[in-house]
PDB file of N, CA and C in Angstrom:
ATOM      1  N   UNK A   1       0.573  -1.566  -0.071  1.00  0.00           N
ATOM      2  CA  UNK A   1      -0.108  -0.115   0.132  1.00  0.00           C
ATOM      3  C   UNK A   1       1.392   0.956  -0.125  1.00  0.00           C
ATOM      4  N   UNK A   2       0.625   2.309  -0.902  1.00  0.00           N
ATOM      5  CA  UNK A   2       1.619   3.090  -0.508  1.00  0.00           C
ATOM      6  C   UNK A   2       0.953   4.615  -0.237  1.00  0.00           C
ATOM      7  N   UNK A   3       2.248   4.981  -0.025  1.00  0.00           N
ATOM      8  CA  UNK A   3       1.107   5.950   1.693  1.00  0.00           C
ATOM      9  C   UNK A   3       1.860   7.337   1.289  1.00  0.00           C
ATOM     10  N   UNK A   4       1.090   9.007   0.598  1.00  0.00           N
ATOM     11  CA  UNK A   4       2.263   9.450   0.948  1.00  0.00           C
ATOM     12  C   UNK A   4       2.558  10.184   2.309  1.00  0.00           C
ATOM     13  N   UNK A   5       3.084  12.063   1.389  1.00  0.00           N
ATOM     14  CA  UNK A   5       3.734  12.327   2.338  1.00  0.00           C
ATOM     15  C   UNK A   5       2.395  12.984   3.917  1.00  0.00           C
ATOM     16  N   UNK A   6       1.376  12.860   4.171  1.00  0.00           N
ATOM     17  CA  UNK A   6      -0.056  13.141   5.115  1.00  0.00           C
ATOM     18  C   UNK A   6      -0.338  11.778   5.438  1.00  0.00           C
ATOM     19  N   UNK A   7       1.050  10.569   5.112  1.00  0.00           N
ATOM     20  CA  UNK A   7      -0.479   9.377   6.168  1.00  0.00           C
ATOM     21  C   UNK A   7      -1.223   9.138   4.390  1.00  0.00           C
ATOM     22  N   UNK A   8      -1.834   9.358   3.492  1.00  0.00           N
ATOM     23  CA  UNK A   8      -2.421   8.862   3.028  1.00  0.00           C
ATOM     24  C   UNK A   8      -2.348   8.593   1.145  1.00  0.00           C
ATOM     25  N   UNK A   9      -2.626   7.177   1.872  1.00  0.00           N
ATOM     26  CA  UNK A   9      -3.138   6.077   0.244  1.00  0.00           C
ATOM     27  C   UNK A   9      -3.295   6.431  -0.348  1.00  0.00           C
ATOM     28  N   UNK A  10      -1.446   6.402  -1.105  1.00  0.00           N
ATOM     29  CA  UNK A  10      -1.830   7.054  -2.891  1.00  0.00           C
ATOM     30  C   UNK A  10      -2.757   5.762  -3.680  1.00  0.00           C
ATOM     31  N   UNK A  11      -4.018   4.882  -3.852  1.00  0.00           N
ATOM     32  CA  UNK A  11      -4.038   4.337  -5.038  1.00  0.00           C
ATOM     33  C   UNK A  11      -3.372   3.799  -5.847  1.00  0.00           C
ATOM     34  N   UNK A  12      -3.313   2.315  -6.292  1.00  0.00           N
ATOM     35  CA  UNK A  12      -2.692   2.338  -7.008  1.00  0.00           C
ATOM     36  C   UNK A  12      -3.109   1.942  -8.883  1.00  0.00           C
ATOM     37  N   UNK A  13      -2.009   2.983  -9.989  1.00  0.00           N
ATOM     38  CA  UNK A  13      -2.670   2.238 -11.572  1.00  0.00           C
ATOM     39  C   UNK A  13      -3.467   1.029 -11.620  1.00  0.00           C
ATOM     40  N   UNK A  14      -4.657   1.288 -12.104  1.00  0.00           N
ATOM     41  CA  UNK A  14      -4.995  -0.570 -12.233  1.00  0.00           C
ATOM     42  C   UNK A  14      -5.404  -0.223 -14.122  1.00  0.00           C
ATOM     43  N   UNK A  15      -4.933  -1.249 -14.997  1.00  0.00           N
ATOM     44  CA  UNK A  15      -5.147  -1.861 -16.353  1.00  0.00           C
ATOM     45  C   UNK A  15      -5.775  -2.248 -16.703  1.00  0.00           C
ATOM     46  N   UNK A  16      -7.341  -2.432 -17.269  1.00  0.00           N
ATOM     47  CA  UNK A  16      -7.757  -3.895 -17.474  1.00  0.00           C
ATOM     48  C   UNK A  16      -8.060  -4.075 -18.905  1.00  0.00           C
ATOM     49  N   UNK A  17      -7.888  -4.647 -18.971  1.00  0.00           N
ATOM     50  CA  UNK A  17      -8.220  -5.663 -20.354  1.00  0.00           C
ATOM     51  C   UNK A  17      -9.162  -5.458 -20.875  1.00  0.00           C
ATOM     52  N   UNK A  18     -10.515  -5.718 -20.855  1.00  0.00           N
ATOM     53  CA  UNK A  18     -12.103  -6.178 -21.760  1.00  0.00           C
ATOM     54  C   UNK A  18     -11.934  -7.134 -22.387  1.00  0.00           C
ATOM     55  N   UNK A  19     -10.919  -7.331 -22.794  1.00  0.00           N
ATOM     56  CA  UNK A  19     -11.061  -8.042 -24.559  1.00  0.00           C
ATOM     57  C   UNK A  19     -11.231  -9.116 -23.637  1.00  0.00           C
ATOM     58  N   UNK A  20      -9.639  -9.336 -22.676  1.00  0.00           N
ATOM     59  CA  UNK A  20      -8.750 -11.100 -22.310  1.00  0.00           C
ATOM     60  C   UNK A  20      -9.975 -10.975 -20.883  1.00  0.00           C
ATOM     61  N   UNK A  21      -9.809 -10.116 -20.387  1.00  0.00           N
ATOM     62  CA  UNK A  21      -9.833  -9.570 -19.003  1.00  0.00           C
ATOM     63  C   UNK A  21      -8.981  -9.337 -18.105  1.00  0.00           C
ATOM     64  N   UNK A  22      -7.537  -9.140 -18.635  1.00  0.00           N
ATOM     65  CA  UNK A  22      -6.504  -9.573 -18.168  1.00  0.00           C
ATOM     66  C   UNK A  22      -6.210  -7.884 -16.754  1.00  0.00           C
ATOM     67  N   UNK A  23      -5.976  -7.880 -15.197  1.00  0.00           N
ATOM     68  CA  UNK A  23      -5.984  -7.167 -14.948  1.00  0.00           C
ATOM     69  C   UNK A  23      -5.062  -6.221 -14.812  1.00  0.00           C
ATOM     70  N   UNK A  24      -4.115  -5.633 -15.322  1.00  0.00           N
ATOM     71  CA  UNK A  24      -2.309  -5.227 -14.600  1.00  0.00           C
ATOM     72  C   UNK A  24      -3.044  -4.222 -13.199  1.00  0.00           C
ATOM     73  N   UNK A  25      -1.913  -4.003 -12.075  1.00  0.00           N
ATOM     74  CA  UNK A  25      -2.133  -3.318 -10.705  1.00  0.00           C
ATOM     75  C   UNK A  25      -0.542  -2.486 -10.458  1.00  0.00           C
ATOM     76  N   UNK A  26      -0.491  -1.268 -11.342  1.00  0.00           N
ATOM     77  CA  UNK A  26       0.938  -0.468 -11.066  1.00  0.00           C
ATOM     78  C   UNK A  26       0.978   0.106 -10.063  1.00  0.00           C
ATOM     79  N   UNK A  27       2.283  -0.533  -9.007  1.00  0.00           N
ATOM     80  CA  UNK A  27       2.178   0.230  -7.867  1.00  0.00           C
ATOM     81  C   UNK A  27       3.287  -0.323  -7.567  1.00  0.00           C
ATOM     82  N   UNK A  28       4.686   0.724  -6.203  1.00  0.00           N
ATOM     83  CA  UNK A  28       5.548   0.047  -6.363  1.00  0.00           C
ATOM     84  C   UNK A  28       5.801  -0.737  -4.959  1.00  0.00           C
ATOM     85  N   UNK A  29       7.154  -1.175  -3.993  1.00  0.00           N
ATOM     86  CA  UNK A  29       7.705  -0.756  -2.872  1.00  0.00           C
ATOM     87  C   UNK A  29       8.255  -1.540  -2.879  1.00  0.00           C
ATOM     88  N   UNK A  30       9.540  -1.365  -1.817  1.00  0.00           N
ATOM     89  CA  UNK A  30      10.967  -1.041  -1.808  1.00  0.00           C
ATOM     90  C   UNK A  30      11.370  -2.574  -2.946  1.00  0.00           C
ATOM     91  N   UNK A  31      11.006  -4.147  -2.901  1.00  0.00           N
ATOM     92  CA  UNK A  31      12.050  -4.311  -3.579  1.00  0.00           C
ATOM     93  C   UNK A  31      12.297  -3.479  -5.739  1.00  0.00           C
ATOM     94  N   UNK A  32      10.921  -3.312  -5.576  1.00  0.00           N
ATOM     95  CA  UNK A  32      10.155  -2.652  -6.840  1.00  0.00           C
ATOM     96  C   UNK A  32      11.194  -2.304  -7.394  1.00  0.00           C
ATOM     97  N   UNK A  33      11.393  -0.577  -6.197  1.00  0.00           N
ATOM     98  CA  UNK A  33      12.451   0.321  -5.943  1.00  0.00           C
ATOM     99  C   UNK A  33      13.688   0.259  -6.152  1.00  0.00           C
ATOM    100  N   UNK A  34      14.163  -0.916  -5.871  1.00  0.00           N
ATOM    101  CA  UNK A  34      15.541  -1.488  -5.445  1.00  0.00           C
ATOM    102  C   UNK A  34      15.296  -2.091  -7.152  1.00  0.00           C
ATOM    103  N   UNK A  35      14.798  -2.520  -7.306  1.00  0.00           N
ATOM    104  CA  UNK A  35      14.440  -3.265  -8.993  1.00  0.00           C
ATOM    105  C   UNK A  35      15.040  -2.062 -10.192  1.00  0.00           C
ATOM    106  N   UNK A  36      14.263  -0.370  -9.750  1.00  0.00           N
ATOM    107  CA  UNK A  36      14.019   0.256 -10.872  1.00  0.00           C
ATOM    108  C   UNK A  36      15.619   0.383 -10.232  1.00  0.00           C
ATOM    109  N   UNK A  37      16.658   0.929  -9.319  1.00  0.00           N
ATOM    110  CA  UNK A  37      18.068   1.627  -9.409  1.00  0.00           C
ATOM    111  C   UNK A  37      19.125   0.920  -9.329  1.00  0.00           C
ATOM    112  N   UNK A  38      18.916   0.086  -9.134  1.00  0.00           N
ATOM    113  CA  UNK A  38      20.303  -1.154  -9.509  1.00  0.00           C
ATOM    114  C   UNK A  38      20.578  -1.380 -10.838  1.00  0.00           C
ATOM    115  N   UNK A  39      19.634  -0.959 -11.354  1.00  0.00           N
ATOM    116  CA  UNK A  39      19.555  -0.631 -13.240  1.00  0.00           C
ATOM    117  C   UNK A  39      20.684   0.415 -13.508  1.00  0.00           C
ATOM    118  N   UNK A  40      20.280   1.760 -12.764  1.00  0.00           N
ATOM    119  CA  UNK A  40      20.466   2.937 -12.729  1.00  0.00           C
ATOM    120  C   UNK A  40      19.511   3.684 -12.581  1.00  0.00           C
ATOM    121  N   UNK A  41      17.612   3.905 -12.535  1.00  0.00           N
ATOM    122  CA  UNK A  41      17.166   4.397 -12.785  1.00  0.00           C
ATOM    123  C   UNK A  41      17.106   5.664 -11.776  1.00  0.00           C
ATOM    124  N   UNK A  42      16.990   6.769 -12.191  1.00  0.00           N
ATOM    125  CA  UNK A  42      16.348   7.530 -11.275  1.00  0.00           C
ATOM    126  C   UNK A  42      16.126   8.591 -11.149  1.00  0.00           C
ATOM    127  N   UNK A  43      14.284   8.505 -10.240  1.00  0.00           N
ATOM    128  CA  UNK A  43      13.279   9.804 -10.732  1.00  0.00           C
ATOM    129  C   UNK A  43      13.499  10.630 -10.917  1.00  0.00           C
ATOM    130  N   UNK A  44      14.580  11.500 -10.767  1.00  0.00           N
ATOM    131  CA  UNK A  44      14.825  13.196 -11.224  1.00  0.00           C
ATOM    132  C   UNK A  44      15.487  13.468 -12.271  1.00  0.00           C
ATOM    133  N   UNK A  45      15.417  11.720 -13.998  1.00  0.00           N
ATOM    134  CA  UNK A  45      15.718  12.663 -14.948  1.00  0.00           C
ATOM    135  C   UNK A  45      14.540  12.002 -15.456  1.00  0.00           C
ATOM    136  N   UNK A  46      13.523  12.279 -14.507  1.00  0.00           N
ATOM    137  CA  UNK A  46      11.675  11.322 -16.050  1.00  0.00           C
ATOM    138  C   UNK A  46      12.032  13.049 -16.447  1.00  0.00           C
ATOM    139  N   UNK A  47      12.296  14.005 -15.182  1.00  0.00           N
ATOM    140  CA  UNK A  47      12.072  15.184 -16.359  1.00  0.00           C
ATOM    141  C   UNK A  47      12.887  15.989 -17.140  1.00  0.00           C
ATOM    142  N   UNK A  48      13.826  15.706 -17.641  1.00  0.00           N
ATOM    143  CA  UNK A  48      15.171  15.332 -18.432  1.00  0.00           C
ATOM    144  C   UNK A  48      14.982  14.614 -19.921  1.00  0.00           C
ATOM    145  N   UNK A  49      14.719  13.662 -19.462  1.00  0.00           N
ATOM    146  CA  UNK A  49      14.208  12.690 -20.374  1.00  0.00           C
ATOM    147  C   UNK A  49      12.697  11.890 -20.285  1.00  0.00           C
ATOM    148  N   UNK A  50      12.360  12.066 -20.349  1.00  0.00           N
ATOM    149  CA  UNK A  50      10.603  12.019 -20.592  1.00  0.00           C
ATOM    150  C   UNK A  50      10.566  10.962 -21.483  1.00  0.00           C
ATOM    151  N   UNK A  51      11.682  10.843 -22.845  1.00  0.00           N
ATOM    152  CA  UNK A  51      10.768   9.858 -23.073  1.00  0.00           C
ATOM    153  C   UNK A  51      11.629   8.697 -23.447  1.00  0.00           C
ATOM    154  N   UNK A  52      12.394   8.550 -22.680  1.00  0.00           N
ATOM    155  CA  UNK A  52      13.686   7.640 -21.629  1.00  0.00           C
ATOM    156  C   UNK A  52      12.238   6.928 -20.745  1.00  0.00           C
ATOM    157  N   UNK A  53      12.553   7.993 -19.941  1.00  0.00           N
ATOM    158  CA  UNK A  53      12.547   7.823 -18.526  1.00  0.00           C
ATOM    159  C   UNK A  53      11.084   7.620 -17.933  1.00  0.00           C
ATOM    160  N   UNK A  54      10.070   7.875 -18.123  1.00  0.00           N
ATOM    161  CA  UNK A  54       9.264   7.712 -19.119  1.00  0.00           C
ATOM    162  C   UNK A  54       8.763   6.520 -18.735  1.00  0.00           C
ATOM    163  N   UNK A  55       8.649   5.443 -19.942  1.00  0.00           N
ATOM    164  CA  UNK A  55       8.547   4.508 -19.946  1.00  0.00           C
ATOM    165  C   UNK A  55       9.059   3.128 -18.962  1.00  0.00           C
ATOM    166  N   UNK A  56      10.094   3.104 -18.759  1.00  0.00           N
ATOM    167  CA  UNK A  56      10.830   2.533 -17.978  1.00  0.00           C
ATOM    168  C   UNK A  56      10.618   2.040 -16.363  1.00  0.00           C
ATOM    169  N   UNK A  57      10.173   4.277 -15.416  1.00  0.00           N
ATOM    170  CA  UNK A  57       9.011   4.328 -14.729  1.00  0.00           C
ATOM    171  C   UNK A  57       8.009   3.273 -14.887  1.00  0.00           C
ATOM    172  N   UNK A  58       6.896   3.458 -15.961  1.00  0.00           N
ATOM    173  CA  UNK A  58       6.210   2.654 -16.079  1.00  0.00           C
ATOM    174  C   UNK A  58       5.606   1.034 -16.283  1.00  0.00           C
ATOM    175  N   UNK A  59       6.938  -0.152 -16.934  1.00  0.00           N
ATOM    176  CA  UNK A  59       7.580  -0.498 -16.621  1.00  0.00           C
ATOM    177  C   UNK A  59       7.428  -1.203 -15.538  1.00  0.00           C
ATOM    178  N   UNK A  60       8.437  -0.564 -14.573  1.00  0.00           N
ATOM    179  CA  UNK A  60       9.119  -0.733 -13.485  1.00  0.00           C
ATOM    180  C   UNK A  60       7.831  -0.991 -12.492  1.00  0.00           C
ATOM    181  N   UNK A  61       6.554   0.049 -12.054  1.00  0.00           N
ATOM    182  CA  UNK A  61       5.296  -0.189 -12.418  1.00  0.00           C
ATOM    183  C   UNK A  61       5.006  -1.648 -11.879  1.00  0.00           C
ATOM    184  N   UNK A  62       5.153  -2.551 -13.223  1.00  0.00           N
ATOM    185  CA  UNK A  62       4.634  -3.889 -13.491  1.00  0.00           C
ATOM    186  C   UNK A  62       5.574  -5.251 -11.842  1.00  0.00           C
ATOM    187  N   UNK A  63       6.324  -4.413 -11.604  1.00  0.00           N
ATOM    188  CA  UNK A  63       7.498  -4.917 -11.370  1.00  0.00           C
ATOM    189  C   UNK A  63       6.395  -5.680  -9.391  1.00  0.00           C
ATOM    190  N   UNK A  64       5.653  -4.830  -9.218  1.00  0.00           N
ATOM    191  CA  UNK A  64       5.321  -5.813  -7.650  1.00  0.00           C
ATOM    192  C   UNK A  64       4.823  -6.349  -7.640  1.00  0.00           C
ATOM    193  N   UNK A  65       3.582  -6.421  -8.570  1.00  0.00           N
ATOM    194  CA  UNK A  65       2.736  -7.838  -8.941  1.00  0.00           C
ATOM    195  C   UNK A  65       2.292  -8.498 -10.319  1.00  0.00           C
ATOM    196  N   UNK A  66       3.356  -7.794 -11.175  1.00  0.00           N
ATOM    197  CA  UNK A  66       3.653  -8.370 -12.104  1.00  0.00           C
ATOM    198  C   UNK A  66       5.537  -8.871 -12.755  1.00  0.00           C
ATOM    199  N   UNK A  67       6.085  -9.309 -12.320  1.00  0.00           N
ATOM    200  CA  UNK A  67       6.962  -9.237 -12.303  1.00  0.00           C
ATOM    201  C   UNK A  67       7.567  -9.666 -14.117  1.00  0.00           C
ATOM    202  N   UNK A  68       6.919 -10.896 -14.162  1.00  0.00           N
ATOM    203  CA  UNK A  68       7.121 -11.590 -15.493  1.00  0.00           C
ATOM    204  C   UNK A  68       6.707 -11.163 -16.377  1.00  0.00           C
ATOM    205  N   UNK A  69       6.717  -9.684 -16.494  1.00  0.00           N
ATOM    206  CA  UNK A  69       6.553  -8.803 -17.850  1.00  0.00           C
ATOM    207  C   UNK A  69       7.437  -8.162 -17.747  1.00  0.00           C
ATOM    208  N   UNK A  70       7.388  -7.908 -19.643  1.00  0.00           N
ATOM    209  CA  UNK A  70       8.669  -7.781 -20.495  1.00  0.00           C
ATOM    210  C   UNK A  70       8.953  -5.994 -20.359  1.00  0.00           C
ATOM    211  N   UNK A  71       9.405  -5.822 -20.996  1.00  0.00           N
ATOM    212  CA  UNK A  71       9.796  -4.298 -21.013  1.00  0.00           C
ATOM    213  C   UNK A  71       9.069  -4.250 -22.253  1.00  0.00           C
ATOM    214  N   UNK A  72       9.002  -5.161 -23.415  1.00  0.00           N
ATOM    215  CA  UNK A  72       8.660  -5.311 -25.062  1.00  0.00           C
ATOM    216  C   UNK A  72       6.852  -4.788 -24.607  1.00  0.00           C
ATOM    217  N   UNK A  73       6.233  -5.832 -23.218  1.00  0.00           N
ATOM    218  CA  UNK A  73       4.777  -6.263 -23.335  1.00  0.00           C
ATOM    219  C   UNK A  73       4.445  -4.354 -22.191  1.00  0.00           C
ATOM    220  N   UNK A  74       5.505  -4.368 -21.522  1.00  0.00           N
ATOM    221  CA  UNK A  74       4.899  -2.774 -21.175  1.00  0.00           C
ATOM    222  C   UNK A  74       5.217  -1.733 -22.203  1.00  0.00           C
ATOM    223  N   UNK A  75       6.204  -2.137 -22.764  1.00  0.00           N
ATOM    224  CA  UNK A  75       5.597  -0.385 -24.477  1.00  0.00           C
ATOM    225  C   UNK A  75       4.498  -0.684 -24.806  1.00  0.00           C
ATOM    226  N   UNK A  76       4.643  -2.441 -25.031  1.00  0.00           N
ATOM    227  CA  UNK A  76       2.550  -2.732 -26.199  1.00  0.00           C
ATOM    228  C   UNK A  76       2.025  -1.989 -25.271  1.00  0.00           C
ATOM    229  N   UNK A  77       1.961  -2.083 -24.351  1.00  0.00           N
ATOM    230  CA  UNK A  77       0.851  -1.750 -23.539  1.00  0.00           C
ATOM    231  C   UNK A  77       0.060  -0.424 -23.752  1.00  0.00           C
ATOM    232  N   UNK A  78       1.501  -0.071 -23.104  1.00  0.00           N
ATOM    233  CA  UNK A  78       1.267   2.289 -23.058  1.00  0.00           C
ATOM    234  C   UNK A  78       0.948   2.302 -24.473  1.00  0.00           C
ATOM    235  N   UNK A  79       2.223   1.222 -25.522  1.00  0.00           N
ATOM    236  CA  UNK A  79       1.765   1.678 -26.474  1.00  0.00           C
ATOM    237  C   UNK A  79       1.280   2.146 -28.089  1.00  0.00           C
ATOM    238  N   UNK A  80       0.750   0.559 -27.610  1.00  0.00           N
ATOM    239  CA  UNK A  80      -0.230   0.094 -28.559  1.00  0.00           C
ATOM    240  C   UNK A  80      -2.125  -0.124 -27.962  1.00  0.00           C
ATOM    241  N   UNK A  81      -1.862  -0.060 -27.107  1.00  0.00           N
ATOM    242  CA  UNK A  81      -2.780  -0.375 -26.223  1.00  0.00           C
ATOM    243  C   UNK A  81      -3.620   1.330 -25.732  1.00  0.00           C
ATOM    244  N   UNK A  82      -2.893   1.430 -25.128  1.00  0.00           N
ATOM    245  CA  UNK A  82      -2.903   3.013 -24.452  1.00  0.00           C
ATOM    246  C   UNK A  82      -3.178   4.298 -25.026  1.00  0.00           C
ATOM    247  N   UNK A  83      -2.199   3.847 -25.895  1.00  0.00           N
ATOM    248  CA  UNK A  83      -1.947   5.339 -27.201  1.00  0.00           C
ATOM    249  C   UNK A  83      -1.468   5.817 -25.978  1.00  0.00           C
ATOM    250  N   UNK A  84      -0.523   5.902 -25.323  1.00  0.00           N
ATOM    251  CA  UNK A  84       0.146   6.907 -24.350  1.00  0.00           C
ATOM    252  C   UNK A  84       0.203   6.339 -22.590  1.00  0.00           C
ATOM    253  N   UNK A  85       0.915   7.997 -21.888  1.00  0.00           N
ATOM    254  CA  UNK A  85       0.261   8.022 -20.756  1.00  0.00           C
ATOM    255  C   UNK A  85      -0.926   8.831 -20.627  1.00  0.00           C
ATOM    256  N   UNK A  86      -2.189   8.249 -19.646  1.00  0.00           N
ATOM    257  CA  UNK A  86      -3.389   9.656 -19.755  1.00  0.00           C
ATOM    258  C   UNK A  86      -3.216  10.450 -18.758  1.00  0.00           C
ATOM    259  N   UNK A  87      -3.494  12.069 -19.160  1.00  0.00           N
ATOM    260  CA  UNK A  87      -2.976  12.536 -18.693  1.00  0.00           C
ATOM    261  C   UNK A  87      -3.236  12.333 -16.241  1.00  0.00           C
ATOM    262  N   UNK A  88      -2.517  13.065 -16.405  1.00  0.00           N
ATOM    263  CA  UNK A  88      -2.261  12.505 -14.505  1.00  0.00           C
ATOM    264  C   UNK A  88      -1.215  11.445 -14.485  1.00  0.00           C
ATOM    265  N   UNK A  89      -1.513   9.829 -15.308  1.00  0.00           N
ATOM    266  CA  UNK A  89      -0.706   9.014 -14.690  1.00  0.00           C
ATOM    267  C   UNK A  89       0.594   9.533 -14.663  1.00  0.00           C
ATOM    268  N   UNK A  90       2.152  10.266 -14.747  1.00  0.00           N
ATOM    269  CA  UNK A  90       2.808  10.183 -14.796  1.00  0.00           C
ATOM    270  C   UNK A  90       3.402  10.822 -13.289  1.00  0.00           C
ATOM    271  N   UNK A  91       2.350  11.696 -13.061  1.00  0.00           N
ATOM    272  CA  UNK A  91       2.300  12.526 -11.370  1.00  0.00           C
ATOM    273  C   UNK A  91       1.774  11.029 -10.460  1.00  0.00           C
ATOM    274  N   UNK A  92       0.514  10.058 -11.222  1.00  0.00           N
ATOM    275  CA  UNK A  92       0.823   9.726  -9.708  1.00  0.00           C
ATOM    276  C   UNK A  92       1.542   8.085  -9.935  1.00  0.00           C
ATOM    277  N   UNK A  93       2.220   7.778 -11.291  1.00  0.00           N
ATOM    278  CA  UNK A  93       3.234   6.983 -11.696  1.00  0.00           C
ATOM    279  C   UNK A  93       4.849   7.396 -10.072  1.00  0.00           C
ATOM    280  N   UNK A  94       5.285   8.631  -9.710  1.00  0.00           N
ATOM    281  CA  UNK A  94       6.177   9.631  -9.559  1.00  0.00           C
ATOM    282  C   UNK A  94       5.745   9.488  -7.429  1.00  0.00           C
ATOM    283  N   UNK A  95       4.060   9.283  -7.785  1.00  0.00           N
ATOM    284  CA  UNK A  95       3.929   9.773  -6.459  1.00  0.00           C
ATOM    285  C   UNK A  95       3.474   8.177  -5.046  1.00  0.00           C
ATOM    286  N   UNK A  96       3.471   7.264  -6.791  1.00  0.00           N
ATOM    287  CA  UNK A  96       3.527   5.202  -6.274  1.00  0.00           C
ATOM    288  C   UNK A  96       5.072   5.269  -6.000  1.00  0.00           C
ATOM    289  N   UNK A  97       6.124   5.462  -7.256  1.00  0.00           N
ATOM    290  CA  UNK A  97       7.420   5.576  -6.879  1.00  0.00           C
ATOM    291  C   UNK A  97       8.177   6.690  -5.257  1.00  0.00           C
ATOM    292  N   UNK A  98       7.663   7.483  -5.174  1.00  0.00           N
ATOM    293  CA  UNK A  98       8.180   7.774  -4.063  1.00  0.00           C
ATOM    294  C   UNK A  98       7.300   7.464  -2.553  1.00  0.00           C
ATOM    295  N   UNK A  99       7.033   6.448  -2.675  1.00  0.00           N
ATOM    296  CA  UNK A  99       5.629   6.009  -0.804  1.00  0.00           C
ATOM    297  C   UNK A  99       7.030   4.988  -0.516  1.00  0.00           C
ATOM    298  N   UNK A 100       7.473   4.373  -1.550  1.00  0.00           N
ATOM    299  CA  UNK A 100       8.442   3.353  -0.112  1.00  0.00           C
ATOM    300  C   UNK A 100       9.115   3.408   0.673  1.00  0.00           C
ATOM    301  N   UNK A 101       9.906   5.028  -0.228  1.00  0.00           N
ATOM    302  CA  UNK A 101      10.451   5.386   1.024  1.00  0.00           C
ATOM    303  C   UNK A 101      10.574   5.938   2.539  1.00  0.00           C
ATOM    304  N   UNK A 102       9.312   5.777   2.651  1.00  0.00           N
ATOM    305  CA  UNK A 102       8.239   6.067   4.146  1.00  0.00           C
ATOM    306  C   UNK A 102       9.254   4.822   5.154  1.00  0.00           C
ATOM    307  N   UNK A 103       9.364   4.505   4.419  1.00  0.00           N
ATOM    308  CA  UNK A 103      10.130   2.447   5.526  1.00  0.00           C
ATOM    309  C   UNK A 103      11.143   2.509   5.321  1.00  0.00           C
ATOM    310  N   UNK A 104      11.963   3.453   4.415  1.00  0.00           N
ATOM    311  CA  UNK A 104      13.492   3.464   5.005  1.00  0.00           C
ATOM    312  C   UNK A 104      13.760   4.729   5.663  1.00  0.00           C
ATOM    313  N   UNK A 105      12.684   5.701   5.395  1.00  0.00           N
ATOM    314  CA  UNK A 105      13.228   6.627   6.771  1.00  0.00           C
ATOM    315  C   UNK A 105      12.441   7.414   7.528  1.00  0.00           C
ATOM    316  N   UNK A 106      12.619   6.644   8.626  1.00  0.00           N
ATOM    317  CA  UNK A 106      11.986   7.348  10.186  1.00  0.00           C
ATOM    318  C   UNK A 106      11.604   8.865  10.702  1.00  0.00           C
ATOM    319  N   UNK A 107      10.703   9.191   9.823  1.00  0.00           N
ATOM    320  CA  UNK A 107      10.629  10.391  10.661  1.00  0.00           C
ATOM    321  C   UNK A 107      10.147  10.617  11.439  1.00  0.00           C
ATOM    322  N   UNK A 108       9.126  10.252  12.224  1.00  0.00           N
ATOM    323  CA  UNK A 108       8.783  10.205  13.641  1.00  0.00           C
ATOM    324  C   UNK A 108      10.289   9.940  14.411  1.00  0.00           C
ATOM    325  N   UNK A 109      10.954   9.304  14.084  1.00  0.00           N
ATOM    326  CA  UNK A 109      11.956   8.879  15.306  1.00  0.00           C
ATOM    327  C   UNK A 109      11.887   8.235  16.285  1.00  0.00           C
ATOM    328  N   UNK A 110      10.947   7.271  16.536  1.00  0.00           N
ATOM    329  CA  UNK A 110       9.659   5.881  16.697  1.00  0.00           C
ATOM    330  C   UNK A 110      10.579   4.930  16.255  1.00  0.00           C
ATOM    331  N   UNK A 111      11.207   3.795  16.553  1.00  0.00           N
ATOM    332  CA  UNK A 111      11.374   2.196  16.374  1.00  0.00           C
ATOM    333  C   UNK A 111       9.704   2.046  16.235  1.00  0.00           C
ATOM    334  N   UNK A 112       9.974   0.977  15.063  1.00  0.00           N
ATOM    335  CA  UNK A 112       8.517  -0.421  15.679  1.00  0.00           C
ATOM    336  C   UNK A 112       9.042  -0.600  17.489  1.00  0.00           C
ATOM    337  N   UNK A 113       9.607  -1.615  17.152  1.00  0.00           N
ATOM    338  CA  UNK A 113       9.790  -2.308  18.532  1.00  0.00           C
ATOM    339  C   UNK A 113       9.919  -1.105  19.492  1.00  0.00           C
ATOM    340  N   UNK A 114      10.170  -0.991  20.136  1.00  0.00           N
ATOM    341  CA  UNK A 114      10.296  -0.210  21.668  1.00  0.00           C
ATOM    342  C   UNK A 114      11.533  -0.337  22.754  1.00  0.00           C
ATOM    343  N   UNK A 115      11.604  -2.202  22.057  1.00  0.00           N
ATOM    344  CA  UNK A 115      12.883  -2.569  22.812  1.00  0.00           C
ATOM    345  C   UNK A 115      14.285  -2.071  21.985  1.00  0.00           C
ATOM    346  N   UNK A 116      14.283  -1.345  21.792  1.00  0.00           N
ATOM    347  CA  UNK A 116      15.303  -0.947  20.594  1.00  0.00           C
ATOM    348  C   UNK A 116      15.496   0.853  20.684  1.00  0.00           C
ATOM    349  N   UNK A 117      16.570   1.262  20.613  1.00  0.00           N
ATOM    350  CA  UNK A 117      17.130   2.504  20.278  1.00  0.00           C
ATOM    351  C   UNK A 117      18.404   2.601  20.289  1.00  0.00           C
ATOM    352  N   UNK A 118      18.248   3.914  19.678  1.00  0.00           N
ATOM    353  CA  UNK A 118      19.902   4.279  18.638  1.00  0.00           C
ATOM    354  C   UNK A 118      20.394   5.656  18.725  1.00  0.00           C
ATOM    355  N   UNK A 119      21.082   5.614  19.255  1.00  0.00           N
ATOM    356  CA  UNK A 119      22.187   6.840  19.335  1.00  0.00           C
ATOM    357  C   UNK A 119      23.449   7.079  18.183  1.00  0.00           C
ATOM    358  N   UNK A 120      23.103   8.489  18.841  1.00  0.00           N
ATOM    359  CA  UNK A 120      24.609   8.774  17.264  1.00  0.00           C
ATOM    360  C   UNK A 120      24.203   9.695  17.321  1.00  0.00           C
TER     361      UNK A 120
END
């Protein structure tokens, strides 16, 4: 479940092929973000190279729920089936991508386990 800065859920993107009934849920978790970053993806590059990076971000969003979707299949869905990203999709993908960072940074400075402390 993706959470934004105000702890409100960012709803995943769901793509449904009404012909086949196949449904794709686009969302990110720590593992899917790590997968993207380990391949050199940087979210800031989307603004500088949108024609390269937006389709990559779209493909990486499949990773959480549909690991076996290839880049080629994601491109076919994006360009052949959808005809490009609908307005607002790029922003939602960015919000979904940023959501797992809440698991990396503890903004409240309170450990989950109260028996564990940190000093620095």
